C-alpha atoms as a PDB file:
ATOM      1  CA  UNK A   1      52.311  27.948  13.856  1.00  0.00           C
ATOM      2  CA  UNK A   2      52.864  31.356  15.464  1.00  0.00           C
ATOM      3  CA  UNK A   3      50.658  34.337  14.631  1.00  0.00           C
ATOM      4  CA  UNK A   4      51.357  35.587  11.111  1.00  0.00           C
ATOM      5  CA  UNK A   5      49.212  38.741  11.326  1.00  0.00           C
ATOM      6  CA  UNK A   6      47.306  40.893  13.777  1.00  0.00           C
ATOM      7  CA  UNK A   7      43.740  41.148  12.531  1.00  0.00           C
ATOM      8  CA  UNK A   8      40.399  42.110  14.107  1.00  0.00           C
ATOM      9  CA  UNK A   9      38.650  39.018  15.466  1.00  0.00           C
ATOM     10  CA  UNK A  10      41.471  36.637  14.532  1.00  0.00           C
ATOM     11  CA  UNK A  11      41.201  33.191  16.094  1.00  0.00           C
ATOM     12  CA  UNK A  12      44.801  32.346  17.043  1.00  0.00           C
ATOM     13  CA  UNK A  13      43.808  31.571  20.633  1.00  0.00           C
ATOM     14  CA  UNK A  14      40.779  29.532  19.569  1.00  0.00           C
ATOM     15  CA  UNK A  15      42.300  27.697  16.613  1.00  0.00           C
ATOM     16  CA  UNK A  16      43.009  24.482  18.541  1.00  0.00           C
ATOM     17  CA  UNK A  17      39.408  24.322  19.763  1.00  0.00           C
ATOM     18  CA  UNK A  18      37.994  24.989  16.302  1.00  0.00           C
ATOM     19  CA  UNK A  19      40.238  22.433  14.608  1.00  0.00           C
ATOM     20  CA  UNK A  20      39.420  19.816  17.264  1.00  0.00           C
ATOM     21  CA  UNK A  21      35.767  20.066  16.212  1.00  0.00           C
ATOM     22  CA  UNK A  22      36.371  19.525  12.506  1.00  0.00           C
ATOM     23  CA  UNK A  23      34.973  16.292  11.063  1.00  0.00           C
ATOM     24  CA  UNK A  24      36.752  14.424   8.287  1.00  0.00           C
ATOM     25  CA  UNK A  25      36.408  16.283   5.000  1.00  0.00           C
ATOM     26  CA  UNK A  26      37.804  16.281   1.468  1.00  0.00           C
ATOM     27  CA  UNK A  27      37.235  19.955   0.680  1.00  0.00           C
ATOM     28  CA  UNK A  28      37.597  23.017   2.899  1.00  0.00           C
ATOM     29  CA  UNK A  29      36.413  26.599   2.496  1.00  0.00           C
ATOM     30  CA  UNK A  30      37.162  29.754   4.484  1.00  0.00           C
ATOM     31  CA  UNK A  31      35.040  32.542   2.955  1.00  0.00           C
ATOM     32  CA  UNK A  32      36.396  35.193   5.376  1.00  0.00           C
ATOM     33  CA  UNK A  33      40.039  34.288   5.853  1.00  0.00           C
ATOM     34  CA  UNK A  34      41.279  37.262   7.892  1.00  0.00           C
ATOM     35  CA  UNK A  35      44.623  36.248   9.422  1.00  0.00           C
ATOM     36  CA  UNK A  36      44.159  32.557   8.458  1.00  0.00           C
ATOM     37  CA  UNK A  37      44.690  31.474  12.069  1.00  0.00           C
ATOM     38  CA  UNK A  38      42.657  28.292  11.588  1.00  0.00           C
ATOM     39  CA  UNK A  39      43.779  27.380   8.067  1.00  0.00           C
ATOM     40  CA  UNK A  40      47.477  27.712   8.825  1.00  0.00           C
ATOM     41  CA  UNK A  41      47.183  25.327  11.769  1.00  0.00           C
ATOM     42  CA  UNK A  42      44.808  22.678  10.409  1.00  0.00           C
ATOM     43  CA  UNK A  43      45.893  19.539   8.506  1.00  0.00           C
ATOM     44  CA  UNK A  44      45.835  19.705   4.710  1.00  0.00           C
ATOM     45  CA  UNK A  45      43.000  18.190   2.707  1.00  0.00           C
ATOM     46  CA  UNK A  46      42.553  17.531  -1.016  1.00  0.00           C
ATOM     47  CA  UNK A  47      40.858  20.816  -1.961  1.00  0.00           C
ATOM     48  CA  UNK A  48      41.328  24.018   0.034  1.00  0.00           C
ATOM     49  CA  UNK A  49      39.871  27.417  -0.840  1.00  0.00           C
ATOM     50  CA  UNK A  50      40.475  30.593   1.139  1.00  0.00           C
ATOM     51  CA  UNK A  51      38.905  33.948   0.392  1.00  0.00           C
ATOM     52  CA  UNK A  52      38.546  37.548   1.443  1.00  0.00           C
ATOM     53  CA  UNK A  53      36.987  40.582  -0.194  1.00  0.00           C
ATOM     54  CA  UNK A  54      39.857  42.784   1.021  1.00  0.00           C
ATOM     55  CA  UNK A  55      42.118  42.977  -2.050  1.00  0.00           C
ATOM     56  CA  UNK A  56      45.208  44.125  -0.110  1.00  0.00           C
ATOM     57  CA  UNK A  57      44.882  41.238   2.332  1.00  0.00           C
ATOM     58  CA  UNK A  58      44.455  38.746  -0.506  1.00  0.00           C
ATOM     59  CA  UNK A  59      47.482  40.198  -2.291  1.00  0.00           C
ATOM     60  CA  UNK A  60      49.543  39.769   0.887  1.00  0.00           C
ATOM     61  CA  UNK A  61      48.788  36.058   1.102  1.00  0.00           C
ATOM     62  CA  UNK A  62      49.252  35.527  -2.645  1.00  0.00           C
ATOM     63  CA  UNK A  63      52.692  37.126  -2.490  1.00  0.00           C
ATOM     64  CA  UNK A  64      53.460  35.114   0.634  1.00  0.00           C
ATOM     65  CA  UNK A  65      52.638  31.959  -1.344  1.00  0.00           C
ATOM     66  CA  UNK A  66      54.161  32.846  -4.727  1.00  0.00           C
ATOM     67  CA  UNK A  67      57.150  35.071  -3.825  1.00  0.00           C
ATOM     68  CA  UNK A  68      57.985  34.312  -0.192  1.00  0.00           C
ATOM     69  CA  UNK A  69      61.724  34.972  -0.570  1.00  0.00           C
ATOM     70  CA  UNK A  70      61.176  38.501  -1.924  1.00  0.00           C
ATOM     71  CA  UNK A  71      58.710  39.296   0.831  1.00  0.00           C
ATOM     72  CA  UNK A  72      61.000  37.843   3.488  1.00  0.00           C
ATOM     73  CA  UNK A  73      63.881  40.007   2.252  1.00  0.00           C
ATOM     74  CA  UNK A  74      61.841  43.207   2.295  1.00  0.00           C
ATOM     75  CA  UNK A  75      60.332  42.561   5.713  1.00  0.00           C
ATOM     76  CA  UNK A  76      63.689  41.554   7.189  1.00  0.00           C
ATOM     77  CA  UNK A  77      65.010  44.983   6.181  1.00  0.00           C
ATOM     78  CA  UNK A  78      61.967  46.907   7.445  1.00  0.00           C
ATOM     79  CA  UNK A  79      62.547  48.674  10.756  1.00  0.00           C
ATOM     80  CA  UNK A  80      59.753  48.762  13.306  1.00  0.00           C
ATOM     81  CA  UNK A  81      59.048  52.486  13.035  1.00  0.00           C
ATOM     82  CA  UNK A  82      56.234  55.010  12.956  1.00  0.00           C
ATOM     83  CA  UNK A  83      57.429  56.265   9.550  1.00  0.00           C
ATOM     84  CA  UNK A  84      56.962  52.816   8.002  1.00  0.00           C
ATOM     85  CA  UNK A  85      53.535  52.576   9.597  1.00  0.00           C
ATOM     86  CA  UNK A  86      52.410  55.894   8.095  1.00  0.00           C
ATOM     87  CA  UNK A  87      53.724  54.842   4.667  1.00  0.00           C
ATOM     88  CA  UNK A  88      51.798  51.550   4.874  1.00  0.00           C
ATOM     89  CA  UNK A  89      48.493  53.373   4.386  1.00  0.00           C
ATOM     90  CA  UNK A  90      49.495  54.166   0.794  1.00  0.00           C
ATOM     91  CA  UNK A  91      48.818  51.392  -1.725  1.00  0.00           C
ATOM     92  CA  UNK A  92      51.939  50.489  -3.733  1.00  0.00           C
ATOM     93  CA  UNK A  93      51.800  49.641  -7.445  1.00  0.00           C
ATOM     94  CA  UNK A  94      54.221  46.730  -7.036  1.00  0.00           C
ATOM     95  CA  UNK A  95      52.384  43.708  -5.508  1.00  0.00           C
ATOM     96  CA  UNK A  96      55.361  42.598  -3.397  1.00  0.00           C
ATOM     97  CA  UNK A  97      55.917  46.083  -1.980  1.00  0.00           C
ATOM     98  CA  UNK A  98      52.211  46.439  -1.227  1.00  0.00           C
ATOM     99  CA  UNK A  99      52.277  43.057   0.529  1.00  0.00           C
ATOM    100  CA  UNK A 100      55.093  44.388   2.707  1.00  0.00           C
ATOM    101  CA  UNK A 101      53.117  47.533   3.451  1.00  0.00           C
ATOM    102  CA  UNK A 102      49.989  45.562   4.320  1.00  0.00           C
ATOM    103  CA  UNK A 103      51.984  43.385   6.718  1.00  0.00           C
ATOM    104  CA  UNK A 104      53.385  46.560   8.296  1.00  0.00           C
ATOM    105  CA  UNK A 105      49.900  48.059   8.599  1.00  0.00           C
ATOM    106  CA  UNK A 106      48.507  44.990  10.365  1.00  0.00           C
ATOM    107  CA  UNK A 107      51.509  44.480  12.667  1.00  0.00           C
ATOM    108  CA  UNK A 108      52.286  48.102  13.517  1.00  0.00           C
ATOM    109  CA  UNK A 109      48.686  49.344  13.906  1.00  0.00           C
ATOM    110  CA  UNK A 110      46.614  49.093  17.090  1.00  0.00           C
ATOM    111  CA  UNK A 111      44.189  46.173  16.802  1.00  0.00           C
ATOM    112  CA  UNK A 112      45.195  45.388  13.220  1.00  0.00           C
ATOM    113  CA  UNK A 113      42.345  47.580  11.975  1.00  0.00           C
ATOM    114  CA  UNK A 114      41.891  47.772   8.205  1.00  0.00           C
ATOM    115  CA  UNK A 115      39.539  50.755   8.179  1.00  0.00           C
ATOM    116  CA  UNK A 116      40.747  54.374   8.562  1.00  0.00           C
ATOM    117  CA  UNK A 117      44.171  54.802  10.189  1.00  0.00           C
ATOM    118  CA  UNK A 118      44.619  53.265  13.651  1.00  0.00           C
ATOM    119  CA  UNK A 119      47.229  54.394  16.136  1.00  0.00           C
ATOM    120  CA  UNK A 120      50.837  53.205  16.042  1.00  0.00           C
ATOM    121  CA  UNK A 121      51.325  50.089  18.165  1.00  0.00           C
ATOM    122  CA  UNK A 122      54.314  50.655  20.430  1.00  0.00           C
ATOM    123  CA  UNK A 123      55.591  49.249  23.711  1.00  0.00           C
ATOM    124  CA  UNK A 124      55.626  51.367  26.861  1.00  0.00           C
ATOM    125  CA  UNK A 125      56.263  48.714  29.509  1.00  0.00           C
ATOM    126  CA  UNK A 126      59.162  46.248  29.391  1.00  0.00           C
ATOM    127  CA  UNK A 127      56.782  43.381  30.267  1.00  0.00           C
ATOM    128  CA  UNK A 128      54.150  44.243  27.663  1.00  0.00           C
ATOM    129  CA  UNK A 129      53.624  42.558  24.272  1.00  0.00           C
ATOM    130  CA  UNK A 130      56.960  42.100  22.491  1.00  0.00           C
ATOM    131  CA  UNK A 131      55.759  43.729  19.282  1.00  0.00           C
ATOM    132  CA  UNK A 132      59.113  44.622  17.729  1.00  0.00           C
ATOM    133  CA  UNK A 133      60.579  41.239  18.660  1.00  0.00           C
ATOM    134  CA  UNK A 134      57.694  39.416  16.985  1.00  0.00           C
ATOM    135  CA  UNK A 135      58.197  41.520  13.860  1.00  0.00           C
ATOM    136  CA  UNK A 136      61.803  40.327  13.586  1.00  0.00           C
ATOM    137  CA  UNK A 137      60.500  36.743  13.597  1.00  0.00           C
ATOM    138  CA  UNK A 138      58.306  37.365  10.544  1.00  0.00           C
ATOM    139  CA  UNK A 139      61.090  36.054   8.284  1.00  0.00           C
ATOM    140  CA  UNK A 140      60.600  32.571   9.757  1.00  0.00           C
ATOM    141  CA  UNK A 141      56.814  32.788   9.989  1.00  0.00           C
ATOM    142  CA  UNK A 142      56.486  33.692   6.317  1.00  0.00           C
ATOM    143  CA  UNK A 143      58.462  30.574   5.425  1.00  0.00           C
ATOM    144  CA  UNK A 144      56.072  28.328   7.347  1.00  0.00           C
ATOM    145  CA  UNK A 145      53.008  30.098   5.943  1.00  0.00           C
ATOM    146  CA  UNK A 146      54.290  29.895   2.359  1.00  0.00           C
ATOM    147  CA  UNK A 147      54.657  26.121   2.602  1.00  0.00           C
ATOM    148  CA  UNK A 148      51.121  25.769   3.974  1.00  0.00           C
ATOM    149  CA  UNK A 149      49.627  28.051   1.307  1.00  0.00           C
ATOM    150  CA  UNK A 150      51.250  26.292  -1.676  1.00  0.00           C
ATOM    151  CA  UNK A 151      48.267  24.185  -2.747  1.00  0.00           C
ATOM    152  CA  UNK A 152      45.473  26.525  -1.675  1.00  0.00           C
ATOM    153  CA  UNK A 153      43.095  28.323  -4.013  1.00  0.00           C
ATOM    154  CA  UNK A 154      43.017  32.009  -3.048  1.00  0.00           C
ATOM    155  CA  UNK A 155      39.937  34.010  -4.048  1.00  0.00           C
ATOM    156  CA  UNK A 156      39.016  37.686  -3.697  1.00  0.00           C
ATOM    157  CA  UNK A 157      35.247  37.929  -3.934  1.00  0.00           C
ATOM    158  CA  UNK A 158      32.021  38.183  -1.966  1.00  0.00           C
ATOM    159  CA  UNK A 159      32.096  35.513   0.746  1.00  0.00           C
ATOM    160  CA  UNK A 160      28.373  34.729   0.637  1.00  0.00           C
ATOM    161  CA  UNK A 161      28.452  34.156  -3.116  1.00  0.00           C
ATOM    162  CA  UNK A 162      31.476  31.878  -2.725  1.00  0.00           C
ATOM    163  CA  UNK A 163      29.654  29.752  -0.138  1.00  0.00           C
ATOM    164  CA  UNK A 164      26.830  29.256  -2.637  1.00  0.00           C
ATOM    165  CA  UNK A 165      29.326  28.181  -5.302  1.00  0.00           C
ATOM    166  CA  UNK A 166      30.861  25.574  -2.962  1.00  0.00           C
ATOM    167  CA  UNK A 167      27.571  24.043  -1.823  1.00  0.00           C
ATOM    168  CA  UNK A 168      28.803  20.432  -1.803  1.00  0.00           C
ATOM    169  CA  UNK A 169      28.244  17.650   0.798  1.00  0.00           C
ATOM    170  CA  UNK A 170      32.004  17.012   1.168  1.00  0.00           C
ATOM    171  CA  UNK A 171      32.898  20.684   1.711  1.00  0.00           C
ATOM    172  CA  UNK A 172      33.523  21.770   5.299  1.00  0.00           C
ATOM    173  CA  UNK A 173      33.076  25.500   5.820  1.00  0.00           C
ATOM    174  CA  UNK A 174      34.763  27.390   8.614  1.00  0.00           C
ATOM    175  CA  UNK A 175      33.046  30.766   8.591  1.00  0.00           C
ATOM    176  CA  UNK A 176      34.349  33.692  10.663  1.00  0.00           C
ATOM    177  CA  UNK A 177      32.488  36.750   9.329  1.00  0.00           C
ATOM    178  CA  UNK A 178      32.857  40.358  10.509  1.00  0.00           C
ATOM    179  CA  UNK A 179      31.340  40.821  13.943  1.00  0.00           C
ATOM    180  CA  UNK A 180      27.833  42.226  14.297  1.00  0.00           C
ATOM    181  CA  UNK A 181      28.144  45.929  15.114  1.00  0.00           C
ATOM    182  CA  UNK A 182      27.509  46.800  18.763  1.00  0.00           C
ATOM    183  CA  UNK A 183      28.468  49.307  21.451  1.00  0.00           C
ATOM    184  CA  UNK A 184      31.472  47.118  22.291  1.00  0.00           C
ATOM    185  CA  UNK A 185      32.599  46.474  18.718  1.00  0.00           C
ATOM    186  CA  UNK A 186      33.624  49.516  16.704  1.00  0.00           C
ATOM    187  CA  UNK A 187      33.990  49.716  12.937  1.00  0.00           C
ATOM    188  CA  UNK A 188      37.405  48.144  12.424  1.00  0.00           C
ATOM    189  CA  UNK A 189      36.946  46.262   9.119  1.00  0.00           C
ATOM    190  CA  UNK A 190      37.458  47.760   5.679  1.00  0.00           C
ATOM    191  CA  UNK A 191      34.565  45.587   4.503  1.00  0.00           C
ATOM    192  CA  UNK A 192      32.194  45.181   7.448  1.00  0.00           C
ATOM    193  CA  UNK A 193      28.741  43.568   7.384  1.00  0.00           C
ATOM    194  CA  UNK A 194      25.282  45.118   7.680  1.00  0.00           C
ATOM    195  CA  UNK A 195      22.556  43.281   9.596  1.00  0.00           C
ATOM    196  CA  UNK A 196      20.982  42.393   6.240  1.00  0.00           C
ATOM    197  CA  UNK A 197      24.234  40.758   5.134  1.00  0.00           C
ATOM    198  CA  UNK A 198      24.374  38.766   8.373  1.00  0.00           C
ATOM    199  CA  UNK A 199      20.817  37.559   7.671  1.00  0.00           C
ATOM    200  CA  UNK A 200      21.758  36.552   4.130  1.00  0.00           C
ATOM    201  CA  UNK A 201      24.885  34.778   5.376  1.00  0.00           C
ATOM    202  CA  UNK A 202      22.902  32.753   7.910  1.00  0.00           C
ATOM    203  CA  UNK A 203      20.365  31.711   5.274  1.00  0.00           C
ATOM    204  CA  UNK A 204      23.178  30.627   2.955  1.00  0.00           C
ATOM    205  CA  UNK A 205      24.924  28.601   5.676  1.00  0.00           C
ATOM    206  CA  UNK A 206      21.674  26.925   6.743  1.00  0.00           C
ATOM    207  CA  UNK A 207      21.222  25.789   3.131  1.00  0.00           C
ATOM    208  CA  UNK A 208      24.776  24.431   2.822  1.00  0.00           C
ATOM    209  CA  UNK A 209      24.802  20.673   2.118  1.00  0.00           C
ATOM    210  CA  UNK A 210      28.025  20.022   4.030  1.00  0.00           C
ATOM    211  CA  UNK A 211      29.278  20.648   7.550  1.00  0.00           C
ATOM    212  CA  UNK A 212      29.623  24.189   8.898  1.00  0.00           C
ATOM    213  CA  UNK A 213      31.502  25.759  11.805  1.00  0.00           C
ATOM    214  CA  UNK A 214      30.476  29.381  12.338  1.00  0.00           C
ATOM    215  CA  UNK A 215      32.218  31.621  14.873  1.00  0.00           C
ATOM    216  CA  UNK A 216      31.340  34.980  16.386  1.00  0.00           C
ATOM    217  CA  UNK A 217      30.327  36.792  19.547  1.00  0.00           C
ATOM    218  CA  UNK A 218      27.197  35.601  21.317  1.00  0.00           C
ATOM    219  CA  UNK A 219      24.329  37.033  19.283  1.00  0.00           C
ATOM    220  CA  UNK A 220      20.554  37.053  19.595  1.00  0.00           C
ATOM    221  CA  UNK A 221      20.234  37.045  15.806  1.00  0.00           C
ATOM    222  CA  UNK A 222      22.544  34.059  15.362  1.00  0.00           C
ATOM    223  CA  UNK A 223      21.047  32.133  18.279  1.00  0.00           C
ATOM    224  CA  UNK A 224      17.529  32.660  16.940  1.00  0.00           C
ATOM    225  CA  UNK A 225      18.313  31.650  13.352  1.00  0.00           C
ATOM    226  CA  UNK A 226      20.542  28.730  14.384  1.00  0.00           C
ATOM    227  CA  UNK A 227      18.448  27.401  17.270  1.00  0.00           C
ATOM    228  CA  UNK A 228      18.706  23.839  15.916  1.00  0.00           C
ATOM    229  CA  UNK A 229      22.518  23.970  15.704  1.00  0.00           C
ATOM    230  CA  UNK A 230      24.931  22.880  18.414  1.00  0.00           C
ATOM    231  CA  UNK A 231      26.788  25.532  20.382  1.00  0.00           C
ATOM    232  CA  UNK A 232      30.206  25.742  22.052  1.00  0.00           C
ATOM    233  CA  UNK A 233      31.058  28.831  24.119  1.00  0.00           C
ATOM    234  CA  UNK A 234      34.363  30.186  25.346  1.00  0.00           C
ATOM    235  CA  UNK A 235      35.101  33.285  27.407  1.00  0.00           C
ATOM    236  CA  UNK A 236      37.651  35.690  25.979  1.00  0.00           C
ATOM    237  CA  UNK A 237      39.019  39.167  26.602  1.00  0.00           C
ATOM    238  CA  UNK A 238      39.023  41.837  23.934  1.00  0.00           C
ATOM    239  CA  UNK A 239      40.538  45.294  23.839  1.00  0.00           C
ATOM    240  CA  UNK A 240      40.155  46.649  20.337  1.00  0.00           C
ATOM    241  CA  UNK A 241      37.725  49.445  21.145  1.00  0.00           C
ATOM    242  CA  UNK A 242      38.407  50.104  24.835  1.00  0.00           C
ATOM    243  CA  UNK A 243      41.512  50.977  26.799  1.00  0.00           C
ATOM    244  CA  UNK A 244      40.720  48.225  29.270  1.00  0.00           C
ATOM    245  CA  UNK A 245      40.028  44.735  28.024  1.00  0.00           C
ATOM    246  CA  UNK A 246      36.438  43.553  28.423  1.00  0.00           C
ATOM    247  CA  UNK A 247      35.003  40.061  28.750  1.00  0.00           C
ATOM    248  CA  UNK A 248      33.142  38.669  25.752  1.00  0.00           C
ATOM    249  CA  UNK A 249      31.720  35.277  24.886  1.00  0.00           C
ATOM    250  CA  UNK A 250      33.013  33.697  21.685  1.00  0.00           C
ATOM    251  CA  UNK A 251      30.621  31.134  20.239  1.00  0.00           C
ATOM    252  CA  UNK A 252      30.955  28.292  17.759  1.00  0.00           C
ATOM    253  CA  UNK A 253      27.742  27.220  16.022  1.00  0.00           C
ATOM    254  CA  UNK A 254      27.918  23.756  14.401  1.00  0.00           C
ATOM    255  CA  UNK A 255      25.317  22.115  12.161  1.00  0.00           C
ATOM    256  CA  UNK A 256      26.443  18.680  13.404  1.00  0.00           C
ATOM    257  CA  UNK A 257      27.205  16.951  16.701  1.00  0.00           C
ATOM    258  CA  UNK A 258      30.360  18.308  18.390  1.00  0.00           C
ATOM    259  CA  UNK A 259      33.034  16.115  19.918  1.00  0.00           C
ATOM    260  CA  UNK A 260      31.973  14.758  23.302  1.00  0.00           C
ATOM    261  CA  UNK A 261      35.008  16.004  25.223  1.00  0.00           C
ATOM    262  CA  UNK A 262      33.918  19.622  24.824  1.00  0.00           C
ATOM    263  CA  UNK A 263      31.876  21.085  27.675  1.00  0.00           C
ATOM    264  CA  UNK A 264      28.804  22.825  26.319  1.00  0.00           C
ATOM    265  CA  UNK A 265      27.408  25.931  28.033  1.00  0.00           C
END
């Protein structure tokens, strides 16, 4: 389906590649769901659990699942404006209204940042991203997302702890944690990771009994800890922290043999 949210590090462009590498599984876990780019495009399985520690993000997807018509109505009547964007930084008491505001924050803000207050995302050139046009299509996108979310378990807790709770041989984990901080990656998550948390995450994933797909930028820490895992690399362009987009290498680490048709770097 089409992008439902703008979110730092979201995998809408890589979702087909990631899904193509998924083995057969009966249970599925996303401990860091972000924009749900992979989940919303993958086939259903018997048990599906999605999670994020960001309470506003979790509320948005819960409302999208449980009250899609109310959310569709509110978003349909929300103009693409700077005033709405400024208001979105304030948490609303009503869950449906706060879901609307969170959607506004992620769509109207530069880079979909969830920390601090990013700049307003507007078009200058006629041939640039059609931001306002995409916003008007949210009515339809919410409908598709709501249908896909219907049977999913939605959690709001620490992702590492959740992985430990789902340590089962039949559980496939797709793990897309916050990026490791670097000179090219600014602080754009409300709940980022320290290096110690990355270490703990890697230890937890190594001990998982089932299959794991882990995604992130090429990293010395990850490559060292996961030296026995298989690797798939893909070049991408990012522009969250710089005015000009820069080249980065997105990596998938798999604790099983990847499909043969993928070229490994």
